[in-house]
Amino acid sequence: IKGRHSRMPSAAVGDFVNVTVKKGNAELRKQMFGAVIIRQKYPIRRLNGVRLSFEDNAAVLVTPEGEIKGTDIKGPVAAEAAEKWPRIANLASLII
């Protein structure tokens, strides 16, 4: 067992997670939503050996059918998220 019993499972770029909005629009706050992680501070190791990290963590709110709730994505999007979610790739201004 050795201390891993209550450890939270980790999520990475491109994963679907359940989130709640802490800051922002009043009608979206304090509700549960589905979201896809598009950026993370922790370094991502790609198959070609490159390590990539962003300066912030970011996610996009998504409906259960996979449609994006917003109309614009500010900032770069990791290529891993864009490959898994083509609708995010369509709205992204920059894919890294």
PDB file of N, CA and C in Angstrom:
ATOM      1  N   ILE A   1       0.844  -1.176   0.000  1.00  0.00           N
ATOM      2  CA  ILE A   1       0.000   0.000   0.000  1.00  0.00           C
ATOM      3  C   ILE A   1       0.892   1.243   0.000  1.00  0.00           C
ATOM      4  N   LYS A   2       1.792   1.394   0.895  1.00  0.00           N
ATOM      5  CA  LYS A   2       2.861   2.390   0.875  1.00  0.00           C
ATOM      6  C   LYS A   2       2.440   3.818   0.528  1.00  0.00           C
ATOM      7  N   GLY A   3       1.308   4.322   1.018  1.00  0.00           N
ATOM      8  CA  GLY A   3       0.990   5.730   0.899  1.00  0.00           C
ATOM      9  C   GLY A   3       0.308   6.172  -0.372  1.00  0.00           C
ATOM     10  N   ARG A   4      -0.047   5.272  -1.268  1.00  0.00           N
ATOM     11  CA  ARG A   4      -0.702   5.702  -2.487  1.00  0.00           C
ATOM     12  C   ARG A   4      -2.200   5.457  -2.452  1.00  0.00           C
ATOM     13  N   HIS A   5      -2.728   5.104  -1.308  1.00  0.00           N
ATOM     14  CA  HIS A   5      -4.138   4.746  -1.179  1.00  0.00           C
ATOM     15  C   HIS A   5      -5.081   5.892  -1.540  1.00  0.00           C
ATOM     16  N   SER A   6      -4.828   7.091  -1.035  1.00  0.00           N
ATOM     17  CA  SER A   6      -5.754   8.195  -1.265  1.00  0.00           C
ATOM     18  C   SER A   6      -5.229   9.209  -2.276  1.00  0.00           C
ATOM     19  N   ARG A   7      -4.296   8.823  -3.102  1.00  0.00           N
ATOM     20  CA  ARG A   7      -3.722   9.740  -4.075  1.00  0.00           C
ATOM     21  C   ARG A   7      -4.730  10.030  -5.188  1.00  0.00           C
ATOM     22  N   MET A   8      -4.834  11.290  -5.582  1.00  0.00           N
ATOM     23  CA  MET A   8      -5.748  11.675  -6.654  1.00  0.00           C
ATOM     24  C   MET A   8      -5.170  11.233  -7.996  1.00  0.00           C
ATOM     25  N   PRO A   9      -5.982  10.730  -8.906  1.00  0.00           N
ATOM     26  CA  PRO A   9      -5.470  10.379 -10.225  1.00  0.00           C
ATOM     27  C   PRO A   9      -5.087  11.646 -10.988  1.00  0.00           C
ATOM     28  N   SER A  10      -4.015  11.560 -11.767  1.00  0.00           N
ATOM     29  CA  SER A  10      -3.547  12.740 -12.484  1.00  0.00           C
ATOM     30  C   SER A  10      -4.175  12.800 -13.870  1.00  0.00           C
ATOM     31  N   ALA A  11      -4.248  13.991 -14.406  1.00  0.00           N
ATOM     32  CA  ALA A  11      -4.754  14.215 -15.757  1.00  0.00           C
ATOM     33  C   ALA A  11      -3.682  14.970 -16.526  1.00  0.00           C
ATOM     34  N   ALA A  12      -3.682  14.830 -17.840  1.00  0.00           N
ATOM     35  CA  ALA A  12      -2.685  15.475 -18.678  1.00  0.00           C
ATOM     36  C   ALA A  12      -3.387  16.210 -19.820  1.00  0.00           C
ATOM     37  N   VAL A  13      -2.600  16.824 -20.675  1.00  0.00           N
ATOM     38  CA  VAL A  13      -3.140  17.577 -21.805  1.00  0.00           C
ATOM     39  C   VAL A  13      -3.952  16.652 -22.703  1.00  0.00           C
ATOM     40  N   GLY A  14      -5.150  17.102 -23.064  1.00  0.00           N
ATOM     41  CA  GLY A  14      -6.032  16.330 -23.929  1.00  0.00           C
ATOM     42  C   GLY A  14      -7.022  15.469 -23.188  1.00  0.00           C
ATOM     43  N   ASP A  15      -6.911  15.373 -21.868  1.00  0.00           N
ATOM     44  CA  ASP A  15      -7.824  14.544 -21.077  1.00  0.00           C
ATOM     45  C   ASP A  15      -9.110  15.294 -20.762  1.00  0.00           C
ATOM     46  N   PHE A  16     -10.200  14.536 -20.673  1.00  0.00           N
ATOM     47  CA  PHE A  16     -11.497  15.079 -20.270  1.00  0.00           C
ATOM     48  C   PHE A  16     -11.596  14.976 -18.759  1.00  0.00           C
ATOM     49  N   VAL A  17     -11.934  16.085 -18.096  1.00  0.00           N
ATOM     50  CA  VAL A  17     -12.043  16.118 -16.639  1.00  0.00           C
ATOM     51  C   VAL A  17     -13.332  16.825 -16.238  1.00  0.00           C
ATOM     52  N   ASN A  18     -13.816  16.538 -15.042  1.00  0.00           N
ATOM     53  CA  ASN A  18     -14.946  17.264 -14.478  1.00  0.00           C
ATOM     54  C   ASN A  18     -14.396  18.410 -13.640  1.00  0.00           C
ATOM     55  N   VAL A  19     -14.919  19.616 -13.888  1.00  0.00           N
ATOM     56  CA  VAL A  19     -14.399  20.804 -13.215  1.00  0.00           C
ATOM     57  C   VAL A  19     -15.545  21.653 -12.682  1.00  0.00           C
ATOM     58  N   THR A  20     -15.197  22.610 -11.833  1.00  0.00           N
ATOM     59  CA  THR A  20     -16.122  23.645 -11.400  1.00  0.00           C
ATOM     60  C   THR A  20     -15.453  24.989 -11.631  1.00  0.00           C
ATOM     61  N   VAL A  21     -16.239  25.997 -11.999  1.00  0.00           N
ATOM     62  CA  VAL A  21     -15.715  27.325 -12.295  1.00  0.00           C
ATOM     63  C   VAL A  21     -15.556  28.090 -10.988  1.00  0.00           C
ATOM     64  N   LYS A  22     -14.337  28.550 -10.698  1.00  0.00           N
ATOM     65  CA  LYS A  22     -14.052  29.287  -9.468  1.00  0.00           C
ATOM     66  C   LYS A  22     -14.149  30.797  -9.681  1.00  0.00           C
ATOM     67  N   LYS A  23     -13.642  31.299 -10.812  1.00  0.00           N
ATOM     68  CA  LYS A  23     -13.692  32.725 -11.119  1.00  0.00           C
ATOM     69  C   LYS A  23     -14.290  32.882 -12.509  1.00  0.00           C
ATOM     70  N   GLY A  24     -15.027  33.972 -12.704  1.00  0.00           N
ATOM     71  CA  GLY A  24     -15.568  34.233 -14.029  1.00  0.00           C
ATOM     72  C   GLY A  24     -17.041  34.572 -13.986  1.00  0.00           C
ATOM     73  N   ASN A  25     -17.737  34.162 -15.030  1.00  0.00           N
ATOM     74  CA  ASN A  25     -19.142  34.489 -15.225  1.00  0.00           C
ATOM     75  C   ASN A  25     -19.989  33.980 -14.056  1.00  0.00           C
ATOM     76  N   ALA A  26     -20.886  34.834 -13.550  1.00  0.00           N
ATOM     77  CA  ALA A  26     -21.676  34.488 -12.361  1.00  0.00           C
ATOM     78  C   ALA A  26     -22.606  33.313 -12.613  1.00  0.00           C
ATOM     79  N   GLU A  27     -23.138  33.177 -13.824  1.00  0.00           N
ATOM     80  CA  GLU A  27     -24.058  32.070 -14.083  1.00  0.00           C
ATOM     81  C   GLU A  27     -23.344  30.728 -14.273  1.00  0.00           C
ATOM     82  N   LEU A  28     -22.038  30.765 -14.515  1.00  0.00           N
ATOM     83  CA  LEU A  28     -21.276  29.523 -14.661  1.00  0.00           C
ATOM     84  C   LEU A  28     -20.643  29.068 -13.346  1.00  0.00           C
ATOM     85  N   ARG A  29     -20.517  29.986 -12.381  1.00  0.00           N
ATOM     86  CA  ARG A  29     -19.838  29.647 -11.138  1.00  0.00           C
ATOM     87  C   ARG A  29     -20.630  28.632 -10.325  1.00  0.00           C
ATOM     88  N   LYS A  30     -19.887  27.830  -9.544  1.00  0.00           N
ATOM     89  CA  LYS A  30     -20.444  26.850  -8.611  1.00  0.00           C
ATOM     90  C   LYS A  30     -21.288  25.788  -9.301  1.00  0.00           C
ATOM     91  N   GLN A  31     -20.933  25.421 -10.519  1.00  0.00           N
ATOM     92  CA  GLN A  31     -21.595  24.332 -11.236  1.00  0.00           C
ATOM     93  C   GLN A  31     -20.525  23.376 -11.741  1.00  0.00           C
ATOM     94  N   MET A  32     -20.917  22.134 -11.962  1.00  0.00           N
ATOM     95  CA  MET A  32     -19.995  21.135 -12.502  1.00  0.00           C
ATOM     96  C   MET A  32     -20.089  21.130 -14.024  1.00  0.00           C
ATOM     97  N   PHE A  33     -18.936  21.061 -14.685  1.00  0.00           N
ATOM     98  CA  PHE A  33     -18.866  21.020 -16.138  1.00  0.00           C
ATOM     99  C   PHE A  33     -17.835  19.982 -16.555  1.00  0.00           C
ATOM    100  N   GLY A  34     -17.907  19.576 -17.793  1.00  0.00           N
ATOM    101  CA  GLY A  34     -16.848  18.792 -18.395  1.00  0.00           C
ATOM    102  C   GLY A  34     -15.877  19.745 -19.065  1.00  0.00           C
ATOM    103  N   ALA A  35     -14.596  19.414 -19.044  1.00  0.00           N
ATOM    104  CA  ALA A  35     -13.591  20.276 -19.657  1.00  0.00           C
ATOM    105  C   ALA A  35     -12.473  19.417 -20.233  1.00  0.00           C
ATOM    106  N   VAL A  36     -11.765  19.988 -21.202  1.00  0.00           N
ATOM    107  CA  VAL A  36     -10.597  19.350 -21.798  1.00  0.00           C
ATOM    108  C   VAL A  36      -9.392  20.222 -21.486  1.00  0.00           C
ATOM    109  N   ILE A  37      -8.335  19.618 -20.967  1.00  0.00           N
ATOM    110  CA  ILE A  37      -7.117  20.352 -20.626  1.00  0.00           C
ATOM    111  C   ILE A  37      -6.359  20.666 -21.913  1.00  0.00           C
ATOM    112  N   ILE A  38      -6.031  21.961 -22.124  1.00  0.00           N
ATOM    113  CA  ILE A  38      -5.320  22.358 -23.339  1.00  0.00           C
ATOM    114  C   ILE A  38      -3.894  22.832 -23.065  1.00  0.00           C
ATOM    115  N   ARG A  39      -3.593  23.243 -21.817  1.00  0.00           N
ATOM    116  CA  ARG A  39      -2.238  23.655 -21.436  1.00  0.00           C
ATOM    117  C   ARG A  39      -1.969  23.202 -20.010  1.00  0.00           C
ATOM    118  N   GLN A  40      -0.677  22.925 -19.715  1.00  0.00           N
ATOM    119  CA  GLN A  40      -0.291  22.600 -18.344  1.00  0.00           C
ATOM    120  C   GLN A  40       1.129  23.071 -18.092  1.00  0.00           C
ATOM    121  N   LYS A  41       1.385  23.451 -16.830  1.00  0.00           N
ATOM    122  CA  LYS A  41       2.712  23.916 -16.438  1.00  0.00           C
ATOM    123  C   LYS A  41       3.719  22.774 -16.369  1.00  0.00           C
ATOM    124  N   TYR A  42       3.262  21.609 -15.941  1.00  0.00           N
ATOM    125  CA  TYR A  42       4.160  20.459 -15.796  1.00  0.00           C
ATOM    126  C   TYR A  42       4.679  20.053 -17.181  1.00  0.00           C
ATOM    127  N   PRO A  43       5.968  19.806 -17.336  1.00  0.00           N
ATOM    128  CA  PRO A  43       6.521  19.509 -18.664  1.00  0.00           C
ATOM    129  C   PRO A  43       5.906  18.259 -19.308  1.00  0.00           C
ATOM    130  N   ILE A  44       5.576  18.400 -20.582  1.00  0.00           N
ATOM    131  CA  ILE A  44       5.061  17.291 -21.386  1.00  0.00           C
ATOM    132  C   ILE A  44       6.247  16.718 -22.150  1.00  0.00           C
ATOM    133  N   ARG A  45       6.427  15.413 -22.098  1.00  0.00           N
ATOM    134  CA  ARG A  45       7.496  14.783 -22.870  1.00  0.00           C
ATOM    135  C   ARG A  45       6.884  14.177 -24.117  1.00  0.00           C
ATOM    136  N   ARG A  46       7.363  14.619 -25.274  1.00  0.00           N
ATOM    137  CA  ARG A  46       6.861  14.104 -26.539  1.00  0.00           C
ATOM    138  C   ARG A  46       7.734  12.945 -26.999  1.00  0.00           C
ATOM    139  N   LEU A  47       7.226  12.196 -27.976  1.00  0.00           N
ATOM    140  CA  LEU A  47       7.931  10.999 -28.435  1.00  0.00           C
ATOM    141  C   LEU A  47       9.277  11.318 -29.077  1.00  0.00           C
ATOM    142  N   ASN A  48       9.432  12.527 -29.646  1.00  0.00           N
ATOM    143  CA  ASN A  48      10.714  12.884 -30.261  1.00  0.00           C
ATOM    144  C   ASN A  48      11.741  13.384 -29.241  1.00  0.00           C
ATOM    145  N   GLY A  49      11.402  13.362 -27.942  1.00  0.00           N
ATOM    146  CA  GLY A  49      12.337  13.734 -26.893  1.00  0.00           C
ATOM    147  C   GLY A  49      12.218  15.166 -26.410  1.00  0.00           C
ATOM    148  N   VAL A  50      11.405  15.977 -27.065  1.00  0.00           N
ATOM    149  CA  VAL A  50      11.235  17.379 -26.678  1.00  0.00           C
ATOM    150  C   VAL A  50      10.372  17.461 -25.429  1.00  0.00           C
ATOM    151  N   ARG A  51      10.752  18.344 -24.516  1.00  0.00           N
ATOM    152  CA  ARG A  51       9.932  18.612 -23.328  1.00  0.00           C
ATOM    153  C   ARG A  51       9.327  19.999 -23.496  1.00  0.00           C
ATOM    154  N   LEU A  52       8.010  20.076 -23.282  1.00  0.00           N
ATOM    155  CA  LEU A  52       7.276  21.312 -23.500  1.00  0.00           C
ATOM    156  C   LEU A  52       6.474  21.640 -22.255  1.00  0.00           C
ATOM    157  N   SER A  53       6.584  22.882 -21.774  1.00  0.00           N
ATOM    158  CA  SER A  53       5.763  23.320 -20.646  1.00  0.00           C
ATOM    159  C   SER A  53       5.231  24.713 -20.954  1.00  0.00           C
ATOM    160  N   PHE A  54       4.022  24.987 -20.493  1.00  0.00           N
ATOM    161  CA  PHE A  54       3.388  26.282 -20.700  1.00  0.00           C
ATOM    162  C   PHE A  54       3.492  27.094 -19.420  1.00  0.00           C
ATOM    163  N   GLU A  55       3.194  28.390 -19.502  1.00  0.00           N
ATOM    164  CA  GLU A  55       3.305  29.226 -18.306  1.00  0.00           C
ATOM    165  C   GLU A  55       2.067  29.181 -17.436  1.00  0.00           C
ATOM    166  N   ASP A  56       0.971  28.552 -17.907  1.00  0.00           N
ATOM    167  CA  ASP A  56      -0.223  28.428 -17.076  1.00  0.00           C
ATOM    168  C   ASP A  56      -0.949  27.129 -17.399  1.00  0.00           C
ATOM    169  N   ASN A  57      -1.897  26.784 -16.532  1.00  0.00           N
ATOM    170  CA  ASN A  57      -2.784  25.655 -16.771  1.00  0.00           C
ATOM    171  C   ASN A  57      -4.076  26.205 -17.358  1.00  0.00           C
ATOM    172  N   ALA A  58      -4.633  25.532 -18.372  1.00  0.00           N
ATOM    173  CA  ALA A  58      -5.866  26.023 -18.984  1.00  0.00           C
ATOM    174  C   ALA A  58      -6.694  24.852 -19.480  1.00  0.00           C
ATOM    175  N   ALA A  59      -8.006  25.068 -19.492  1.00  0.00           N
ATOM    176  CA  ALA A  59      -8.939  24.057 -19.974  1.00  0.00           C
ATOM    177  C   ALA A  59     -10.063  24.749 -20.735  1.00  0.00           C
ATOM    178  N   VAL A  60     -10.770  23.980 -21.563  1.00  0.00           N
ATOM    179  CA  VAL A  60     -11.902  24.470 -22.344  1.00  0.00           C
ATOM    180  C   VAL A  60     -13.139  23.715 -21.891  1.00  0.00           C
ATOM    181  N   LEU A  61     -14.216  24.437 -21.583  1.00  0.00           N
ATOM    182  CA  LEU A  61     -15.467  23.793 -21.182  1.00  0.00           C
ATOM    183  C   LEU A  61     -16.100  23.107 -22.384  1.00  0.00           C
ATOM    184  N   VAL A  62     -16.581  21.878 -22.160  1.00  0.00           N
ATOM    185  CA  VAL A  62     -17.110  21.046 -23.237  1.00  0.00           C
ATOM    186  C   VAL A  62     -18.438  20.451 -22.788  1.00  0.00           C
ATOM    187  N   THR A  63     -19.388  20.327 -23.722  1.00  0.00           N
ATOM    188  CA  THR A  63     -20.662  19.674 -23.425  1.00  0.00           C
ATOM    189  C   THR A  63     -20.456  18.166 -23.428  1.00  0.00           C
ATOM    190  N   PRO A  64     -21.402  17.388 -22.910  1.00  0.00           N
ATOM    191  CA  PRO A  64     -21.249  15.924 -22.927  1.00  0.00           C
ATOM    192  C   PRO A  64     -21.126  15.332 -24.336  1.00  0.00           C
ATOM    193  N   GLU A  65     -21.635  16.043 -25.348  1.00  0.00           N
ATOM    194  CA  GLU A  65     -21.536  15.550 -26.729  1.00  0.00           C
ATOM    195  C   GLU A  65     -20.192  15.875 -27.373  1.00  0.00           C
ATOM    196  N   GLY A  66     -19.366  16.685 -26.704  1.00  0.00           N
ATOM    197  CA  GLY A  66     -18.064  17.042 -27.251  1.00  0.00           C
ATOM    198  C   GLY A  66     -18.030  18.405 -27.907  1.00  0.00           C
ATOM    199  N   GLU A  67     -19.122  19.161 -27.851  1.00  0.00           N
ATOM    200  CA  GLU A  67     -19.155  20.510 -28.415  1.00  0.00           C
ATOM    201  C   GLU A  67     -18.536  21.485 -27.415  1.00  0.00           C
ATOM    202  N   ILE A  68     -17.833  22.492 -27.921  1.00  0.00           N
ATOM    203  CA  ILE A  68     -17.203  23.486 -27.064  1.00  0.00           C
ATOM    204  C   ILE A  68     -18.236  24.536 -26.676  1.00  0.00           C
ATOM    205  N   LYS A  69     -18.254  24.913 -25.388  1.00  0.00           N
ATOM    206  CA  LYS A  69     -19.222  25.909 -24.917  1.00  0.00           C
ATOM    207  C   LYS A  69     -18.843  27.317 -25.353  1.00  0.00           C
ATOM    208  N   GLY A  70     -17.578  27.627 -25.458  1.00  0.00           N
ATOM    209  CA  GLY A  70     -17.130  28.970 -25.815  1.00  0.00           C
ATOM    210  C   GLY A  70     -17.023  29.163 -27.317  1.00  0.00           C
ATOM    211  N   THR A  71     -16.639  30.383 -27.701  1.00  0.00           N
ATOM    212  CA  THR A  71     -16.495  30.706 -29.118  1.00  0.00           C
ATOM    213  C   THR A  71     -15.066  31.054 -29.486  1.00  0.00           C
ATOM    214  N   ASP A  72     -14.176  31.167 -28.497  1.00  0.00           N
ATOM    215  CA  ASP A  72     -12.810  31.584 -28.763  1.00  0.00           C
ATOM    216  C   ASP A  72     -11.884  30.944 -27.734  1.00  0.00           C
ATOM    217  N   ILE A  73     -10.674  30.584 -28.167  1.00  0.00           N
ATOM    218  CA  ILE A  73      -9.655  30.052 -27.261  1.00  0.00           C
ATOM    219  C   ILE A  73      -8.496  31.033 -27.261  1.00  0.00           C
ATOM    220  N   LYS A  74      -8.197  31.595 -26.099  1.00  0.00           N
ATOM    221  CA  LYS A  74      -7.102  32.548 -25.976  1.00  0.00           C
ATOM    222  C   LYS A  74      -5.834  31.794 -25.613  1.00  0.00           C
ATOM    223  N   GLY A  75      -4.753  32.112 -26.300  1.00  0.00           N
ATOM    224  CA  GLY A  75      -3.473  31.490 -26.011  1.00  0.00           C
ATOM    225  C   GLY A  75      -3.259  30.220 -26.814  1.00  0.00           C
ATOM    226  N   PRO A  76      -2.060  29.645 -26.692  1.00  0.00           N
ATOM    227  CA  PRO A  76      -1.731  28.444 -27.458  1.00  0.00           C
ATOM    228  C   PRO A  76      -2.428  27.197 -26.927  1.00  0.00           C
ATOM    229  N   VAL A  77      -2.528  26.199 -27.810  1.00  0.00           N
ATOM    230  CA  VAL A  77      -3.115  24.904 -27.475  1.00  0.00           C
ATOM    231  C   VAL A  77      -2.071  23.838 -27.776  1.00  0.00           C
ATOM    232  N   ALA A  78      -1.903  22.884 -26.882  1.00  0.00           N
ATOM    233  CA  ALA A  78      -0.952  21.793 -27.106  1.00  0.00           C
ATOM    234  C   ALA A  78      -1.438  20.906 -28.250  1.00  0.00           C
ATOM    235  N   ALA A  79      -0.512  20.407 -29.041  1.00  0.00           N
ATOM    236  CA  ALA A  79      -0.856  19.575 -30.195  1.00  0.00           C
ATOM    237  C   ALA A  79      -1.541  18.280 -29.770  1.00  0.00           C
ATOM    238  N   GLU A  80      -1.211  17.774 -28.575  1.00  0.00           N
ATOM    239  CA  GLU A  80      -1.840  16.543 -28.090  1.00  0.00           C
ATOM    240  C   GLU A  80      -3.344  16.727 -27.908  1.00  0.00           C
ATOM    241  N   ALA A  81      -3.759  17.891 -27.419  1.00  0.00           N
ATOM    242  CA  ALA A  81      -5.188  18.172 -27.248  1.00  0.00           C
ATOM    243  C   ALA A  81      -5.856  18.400 -28.598  1.00  0.00           C
ATOM    244  N   ALA A  82      -5.162  19.052 -29.515  1.00  0.00           N
ATOM    245  CA  ALA A  82      -5.728  19.335 -30.835  1.00  0.00           C
ATOM    246  C   ALA A  82      -5.926  18.055 -31.645  1.00  0.00           C
ATOM    247  N   GLU A  83      -5.047  17.068 -31.471  1.00  0.00           N
ATOM    248  CA  GLU A  83      -5.196  15.800 -32.193  1.00  0.00           C
ATOM    249  C   GLU A  83      -6.393  15.011 -31.693  1.00  0.00           C
ATOM    250  N   LYS A  84      -6.599  14.983 -30.371  1.00  0.00           N
ATOM    251  CA  LYS A  84      -7.714  14.225 -29.794  1.00  0.00           C
ATOM    252  C   LYS A  84      -9.054  14.899 -30.019  1.00  0.00           C
ATOM    253  N   TRP A  85      -9.087  16.231 -30.031  1.00  0.00           N
ATOM    254  CA  TRP A  85     -10.327  17.011 -30.089  1.00  0.00           C
ATOM    255  C   TRP A  85     -10.265  17.954 -31.295  1.00  0.00           C
ATOM    256  N   PRO A  86     -10.755  17.537 -32.473  1.00  0.00           N
ATOM    257  CA  PRO A  86     -10.672  18.374 -33.683  1.00  0.00           C
ATOM    258  C   PRO A  86     -11.424  19.699 -33.562  1.00  0.00           C
ATOM    259  N   ARG A  87     -12.481  19.748 -32.768  1.00  0.00           N
ATOM    260  CA  ARG A  87     -13.233  21.008 -32.616  1.00  0.00           C
ATOM    261  C   ARG A  87     -12.401  22.050 -31.867  1.00  0.00           C
ATOM    262  N   ILE A  88     -11.557  21.602 -30.963  1.00  0.00           N
ATOM    263  CA  ILE A  88     -10.652  22.527 -30.280  1.00  0.00           C
ATOM    264  C   ILE A  88      -9.605  23.037 -31.264  1.00  0.00           C
ATOM    265  N   ALA A  89      -9.131  22.171 -32.140  1.00  0.00           N
ATOM    266  CA  ALA A  89      -8.142  22.576 -33.141  1.00  0.00           C
ATOM    267  C   ALA A  89      -8.717  23.628 -34.086  1.00  0.00           C
ATOM    268  N   ASN A  90     -10.012  23.546 -34.399  1.00  0.00           N
ATOM    269  CA  ASN A  90     -10.637  24.529 -35.286  1.00  0.00           C
ATOM    270  C   ASN A  90     -10.664  25.918 -34.658  1.00  0.00           C
ATOM    271  N   LEU A  91     -10.881  26.005 -33.348  1.00  0.00           N
ATOM    272  CA  LEU A  91     -10.972  27.301 -32.676  1.00  0.00           C
ATOM    273  C   LEU A  91      -9.621  27.841 -32.220  1.00  0.00           C
ATOM    274  N   ALA A  92      -8.602  27.012 -32.201  1.00  0.00           N
ATOM    275  CA  ALA A  92      -7.303  27.431 -31.667  1.00  0.00           C
ATOM    276  C   ALA A  92      -6.629  28.423 -32.608  1.00  0.00           C
ATOM    277  N   SER A  93      -6.082  29.493 -32.028  1.00  0.00           N
ATOM    278  CA  SER A  93      -5.340  30.461 -32.835  1.00  0.00           C
ATOM    279  C   SER A  93      -3.897  30.005 -33.056  1.00  0.00           C
ATOM    280  N   LEU A  94      -3.364  29.218 -32.112  1.00  0.00           N
ATOM    281  CA  LEU A  94      -1.989  28.740 -32.207  1.00  0.00           C
ATOM    282  C   LEU A  94      -1.902  27.341 -31.610  1.00  0.00           C
ATOM    283  N   ILE A  95      -1.353  26.404 -32.386  1.00  0.00           N
ATOM    284  CA  ILE A  95      -1.163  25.030 -31.913  1.00  0.00           C
ATOM    285  C   ILE A  95       0.332  24.775 -31.822  1.00  0.00           C
ATOM    286  N   ILE A  96       0.780  24.358 -30.635  1.00  0.00           N
ATOM    287  CA  ILE A  96       2.213  24.094 -30.420  1.00  0.00           C
ATOM    288  C   ILE A  96       2.398  22.607 -30.189  1.00  0.00           C
TER     289      ILE A  96
END
